[in-house]
Every structure is written in C-alpha cells, then in structure tokens.
Protein backbone atom coordinates (compact mmCIF):
# COMPACT_ATOMS: atom_id res chain seq x y z
CA SER A 1 20.79 -11.72 45.25
CA SER A 2 22.40 -14.69 44.21
CA ASN A 3 19.21 -16.13 43.88
CA LEU A 4 18.18 -13.29 41.40
CA VAL A 5 21.09 -13.72 39.27
CA ALA A 6 20.46 -17.59 38.89
CA SER A 7 17.14 -16.50 38.28
CA GLU A 8 18.00 -14.51 35.34
CA SER A 9 20.61 -16.48 34.23
CA SER A 10 17.85 -19.46 33.95
CA VAL A 11 15.56 -17.03 31.58
CA ALA A 12 18.34 -16.10 29.55
CA VAL A 13 19.38 -19.77 28.87
CA ASN A 14 15.59 -20.33 28.42
CA MET A 15 15.25 -18.23 25.49
CA PRO A 16 14.82 -19.40 22.18
CA SER A 17 17.43 -18.73 19.55
CA ASP A 18 17.09 -16.35 16.81
CA GLU A 19 17.25 -19.51 14.60
CA VAL A 20 14.94 -21.33 16.64
CA LEU A 21 12.43 -18.30 16.34
CA HIS A 22 13.07 -18.18 12.65
CA GLN A 23 12.19 -21.59 11.94
CA GLN A 24 9.16 -21.58 14.29
CA ALA A 25 7.80 -18.46 12.10
CA GLU A 26 8.26 -20.27 8.70
CA GLU A 27 6.63 -23.24 10.06
CA TRP A 28 3.69 -21.02 11.34
CA LYS A 29 3.77 -19.60 7.69
CA VAL A 30 3.51 -23.07 6.11
CA LYS A 31 0.59 -23.92 8.22
CA GLY A 32 -1.18 -20.60 7.28
CA ASN A 33 -0.50 -21.09 3.82
CA GLU A 34 -1.87 -24.85 4.25
CA ALA A 35 -5.03 -23.33 5.83
CA PHE A 36 -5.69 -20.54 3.66
CA GLY A 37 -5.56 -22.98 0.86
CA SER A 38 -8.25 -25.11 2.44
CA GLY A 39 -10.23 -21.93 2.49
CA LYS A 40 -9.88 -21.79 6.66
CA LEU A 41 -9.49 -18.09 6.65
CA GLY A 42 -9.81 -18.01 10.59
CA GLU A 43 -7.05 -21.00 10.94
CA ALA A 44 -4.91 -18.93 8.67
CA VAL A 45 -4.88 -15.86 10.40
CA SER A 46 -4.11 -17.40 13.56
CA ALA A 47 -1.11 -19.01 12.13
CA TYR A 48 0.17 -16.04 10.47
CA SER A 49 -0.24 -14.10 13.65
CA GLN A 50 1.79 -16.65 15.87
CA GLY A 51 4.46 -16.41 13.06
CA ILE A 52 4.97 -12.70 13.24
CA VAL A 53 4.97 -13.09 17.11
CA ALA A 54 8.04 -15.53 16.54
CA CYS A 55 9.35 -12.74 14.29
CA ASP A 56 8.87 -10.23 16.90
CA ARG A 57 10.95 -11.95 19.29
CA THR A 58 13.76 -12.42 17.72
CA VAL A 59 16.93 -10.09 18.26
CA LYS A 60 17.71 -9.54 14.77
CA VAL A 61 14.30 -9.24 13.19
CA ASP A 62 13.92 -11.00 9.56
CA GLY A 63 12.04 -8.27 7.48
CA LEU A 64 11.20 -10.05 4.37
CA LEU A 65 9.69 -12.94 6.63
CA LYS A 66 7.67 -10.40 8.99
CA ALA A 67 6.44 -8.51 5.97
CA THR A 68 5.39 -11.84 3.90
CA LEU A 69 3.60 -13.00 7.21
CA LEU A 70 1.76 -9.48 7.45
CA SER A 71 0.69 -9.46 3.69
CA ASN A 72 -0.60 -12.91 3.76
CA ARG A 73 -2.24 -11.99 7.20
CA ALA A 74 -3.56 -9.10 5.52
CA PHE A 75 -4.78 -10.91 2.18
CA CYS A 76 -6.74 -13.12 4.80
CA TYR A 77 -8.42 -9.94 6.15
CA LEU A 78 -9.46 -8.62 2.92
CA LYS A 79 -11.25 -11.92 1.98
CA GLN A 80 -12.79 -11.67 5.28
CA GLN A 81 -13.71 -7.99 4.45
CA ASN A 82 -11.98 -6.83 7.52
CA PHE A 83 -10.69 -3.73 5.58
CA LYS A 84 -9.45 -1.60 8.32
CA ALA A 85 -7.10 -4.73 9.69
CA CYS A 86 -5.94 -5.34 6.25
CA ILE A 87 -5.21 -1.76 5.57
CA GLU A 88 -2.81 -1.79 9.11
CA ASP A 89 -1.21 -5.03 8.22
CA CYS A 90 -0.28 -3.92 4.91
CA THR A 91 1.13 -0.27 6.09
CA THR A 92 3.22 -2.12 8.93
CA ALA A 93 4.78 -4.42 6.26
CA LEU A 94 5.19 -1.68 4.00
CA ASP A 95 7.45 -0.24 6.99
CA CYS A 96 10.11 -2.95 6.12
CA LYS A 97 10.95 -1.31 3.20
CA ALA A 98 14.70 -2.12 3.13
CA ALA A 99 13.46 -6.05 3.10
CA LEU A 100 10.97 -5.75 0.41
CA SER A 101 11.25 -7.09 -3.24
CA PRO A 102 9.55 -5.16 -5.46
CA GLN A 103 7.15 -8.27 -6.06
CA LEU A 104 6.43 -7.98 -2.79
CA ARG A 105 5.77 -4.62 -2.47
CA CYS A 106 3.52 -4.32 -5.23
CA LYS A 107 1.45 -7.23 -4.06
CA ILE A 108 1.25 -5.42 -0.92
CA LEU A 109 0.44 -1.89 -2.61
CA PHE A 110 -2.39 -3.67 -4.31
CA ARG A 111 -4.04 -5.38 -1.42
CA ARG A 112 -4.09 -2.05 0.80
CA ALA A 113 -5.67 -0.33 -2.57
CA LYS A 114 -8.33 -2.86 -2.91
CA ALA A 115 -8.92 -2.90 1.07
CA ALA A 116 -9.06 1.02 0.26
CA ALA A 117 -11.28 0.99 -2.26
CA SER A 118 -13.79 -1.15 -0.71
CA SER A 119 -13.73 1.61 2.26
CA ASP A 120 -14.91 4.09 -0.11
CA ASP A 121 -11.12 5.76 -0.20
CA ALA A 122 -10.70 6.21 -3.60
CA GLN A 123 -8.02 8.81 -3.28
CA ALA A 124 -5.87 6.30 -1.18
CA ALA A 125 -6.94 3.22 -3.20
CA ALA A 126 -5.54 5.33 -6.22
CA ARG A 127 -2.19 6.67 -4.89
CA ASP A 128 -1.25 3.01 -3.77
CA LEU A 129 -2.01 2.21 -7.51
CA VAL A 130 -0.03 4.90 -8.93
CA ASP A 131 3.14 4.19 -6.75
CA LEU A 132 2.60 0.48 -8.04
CA LEU A 133 2.14 1.16 -11.46
CA GLN A 134 5.59 3.09 -11.32
CA VAL A 135 7.44 0.07 -9.91
CA ASP A 136 5.45 -2.12 -12.41
CA PRO A 137 3.81 -0.51 -15.22
CA THR A 138 2.61 -3.20 -16.91
CA ASN A 139 0.41 -4.62 -14.06
CA SER A 140 -2.65 -5.52 -15.57
CA ASP A 141 -4.80 -5.63 -12.21
CA ALA A 142 -3.71 -2.63 -10.86
CA GLN A 143 -4.72 -0.78 -14.41
CA VAL A 144 -8.13 -2.21 -14.24
CA LEU A 145 -8.76 -1.35 -10.89
CA LEU A 146 -7.48 2.34 -11.30
CA ASN A 147 -9.54 2.49 -14.33
CA VAL A 148 -12.72 1.19 -12.33
CA LEU A 149 -11.73 4.13 -9.84
CA ARG A 150 -11.34 6.67 -12.57
CA SER A 151 -14.90 5.96 -14.29
CA GLN A 152 -16.61 5.70 -10.71
CA HIS A 153 -15.54 9.39 -9.54
CA LYS A 154 -15.43 10.93 -13.06
CA TYR A 155 -17.70 13.44 -12.11
CA SER A 156 -16.26 14.17 -8.46
CA SER A 157 -16.93 17.43 -7.05
CA THR A 158 -13.18 18.25 -5.77
CA PRO A 159 -11.20 21.51 -6.81
CA ALA A 160 -8.56 19.39 -8.93
CA SER A 161 -11.43 17.45 -10.43
CA LYS A 162 -13.34 20.70 -11.44
CA THR A 163 -10.24 22.29 -12.26
CA LEU A 164 -9.03 19.23 -14.52
CA GLN A 165 -12.45 19.08 -16.12
CA SER A 166 -12.26 22.56 -17.23
CA LEU A 167 -8.79 21.87 -18.88
CA LYS A 168 -10.37 18.95 -20.80
CA ASP A 169 -13.17 21.17 -22.05
CA GLY A 170 -10.44 23.78 -23.42
CA LYS A 171 -11.76 26.32 -20.91
CA ASP A 172 -9.74 29.27 -19.84
CA VAL A 173 -6.70 26.96 -20.01
CA GLU A 174 -4.01 29.37 -18.71
CA HIS A 175 -5.92 30.39 -15.72
CA ASN A 176 -6.94 26.77 -14.84
CA LEU A 177 -3.24 25.50 -15.05
CA ARG A 178 -2.28 28.50 -12.29
CA VAL A 179 -5.09 27.19 -10.23
CA LEU A 180 -4.05 23.42 -10.85
CA LEU A 181 -0.46 24.69 -9.72
CA GLY A 182 -1.84 26.19 -6.62
CA LEU A 183 -3.75 23.00 -5.53
CA LEU A 184 -0.08 20.98 -6.03
CA ASP A 185 1.55 23.56 -4.01
CA GLN A 186 -0.94 23.49 -1.27
CA ASP A 187 -1.26 19.50 -1.02
CA LEU A 188 0.97 18.11 -3.43
CA SER A 189 0.37 13.83 -2.81
CA ASN A 190 -3.53 13.97 -2.62
CA THR A 191 -3.57 16.54 -5.56
CA ALA A 192 -1.06 14.34 -7.60
CA ALA A 193 -3.09 11.04 -6.67
CA GLU A 194 -5.97 12.70 -8.01
CA LEU A 195 -4.77 13.36 -11.12
CA GLY A 196 -3.45 9.84 -11.59
CA ARG A 197 -6.91 8.53 -10.59
CA LEU A 198 -8.35 11.03 -13.46
CA ASP A 199 -6.02 10.48 -15.84
CA GLY A 200 -5.24 14.09 -15.57
CA PHE A 201 -1.50 13.61 -16.79
CA THR A 202 -2.85 12.91 -20.02
CA THR A 203 -4.17 16.19 -20.22
CA LEU A 204 -1.30 17.97 -19.15
CA PHE A 205 1.03 16.31 -21.63
CA GLU A 206 -1.63 17.28 -24.69
CA GLN A 207 -1.58 20.91 -23.10
CA GLN A 208 2.16 20.90 -22.79
CA LYS A 209 2.40 21.48 -26.27
CA SER A 210 0.62 25.10 -26.13
CA THR A 211 1.86 26.15 -22.96
CA VAL A 212 4.75 26.09 -20.63
CA LEU A 213 2.34 26.55 -17.30
CA ALA A 214 1.43 22.58 -18.27
CA ILE A 215 4.65 21.47 -18.16
CA GLN A 216 5.35 23.10 -14.74
CA ALA A 217 2.51 21.24 -13.51
CA ILE A 218 3.72 18.03 -14.76
CA ARG A 219 6.99 18.65 -12.94
CA ALA A 220 5.35 19.69 -9.94
CA ALA A 221 3.08 16.56 -9.78
C-alpha cells in the first residue's frame, strides 16, 4: 500500500506542468511552421500533431493555441487533398468558440469551405462562406469562391432552387413565396444556405417592394 502511494506520488511529480506543456506546444507549432514553409507537409503535420497532444495533456487547455495548431494542420491536409481530415480539424477548432478571434474563425471557415467544395459538398461550403461573410463582408477570397459555387450550381434541381428560379422569372410570385416559406420552416439552415449560395436574398429584396411574403421570407432566413 505504501509502495502504491509512493508510486502515485512519483507519477504526479514527473508530470510536466501546464507551463512546460504549453511551451512544448509552442515549440512544435514553430517547427510545424518551418516545415510548412519548406514545403515539407508531412513533417508539418507531425509537428502540429505533437503540439496538439501537448495541449491536450494540460489541465487547463489553451483554446487559442490548440485551435491555431488544428487550423494549421487542416491547411496541410487541404494542400495534401485530404479533405475529410481537413474538415474534421476545422470543425474541432471551431468548437473552441470562446478562444477564437474573428480573424482566426474566418480563416478556419474558409479552409473548411474549400475542403467541402473540393468534396462536392457545395451546400456545406456555401454555408461556411455565408457565415464567414457575416463576420468579414469584405473578404474577397470568400466572395470569389461563393460566386464560383453559385455559377456551378446555378441550374440545381433542388426545391429551393426551382422555387427561386420561378421567382426570378416572375412566375406566380405569391405562390412561390409561400412555397419558399414552407421550405424555410421545414429545413431552415440548409434552405437559408442555398439562398445564400444562389444569391436568393437579392431576389427576395427585390420582391419585398411588392409583397409582405417576401419580407417574411427574408426574416425567416
């Protein structure tokens, strides 16, 4: 029994402090950045991974440092066309909500959007880009990618896109606005994201001059 207590005490003494682990994580981040700058993506991924492990070993995790390491590793995965891993790292990084600066949040959203777009998930990519542009409306890279997605999927056959096209053509406006309201009620997040991707809000703003239903649709989205 006394030997067990002594053993546990020894383990506790040998555990690195949060300060030491934080310093190790910072050093791994620097090594990862250097490897990335030299085009050594595999080494960069390994270094960022070691930094993430060090962060996770701390009693009080530094959310900003961990999110930065995850974002950096996600960028490596994006370069390696490992889109699934990129999306997973970005999602984990975005979970560190309180620690994220607006700039870092936008960077992570853009990386996840690019990975989603490259995985043929235009809806998820558009959703991230719309979220990003709400934080940083002047982000030209996000605007360009969103416009590309809109042009590629201009003739999408989803119910929301068909309804929106009818509105743009001026066909049975009242009926199609009611259909759109119904779609928003059934699936708010995906329908709103599709409206953003297809520039549907511009159409709704044009229609609001003539009908209260358009105003309701804008508020619902």
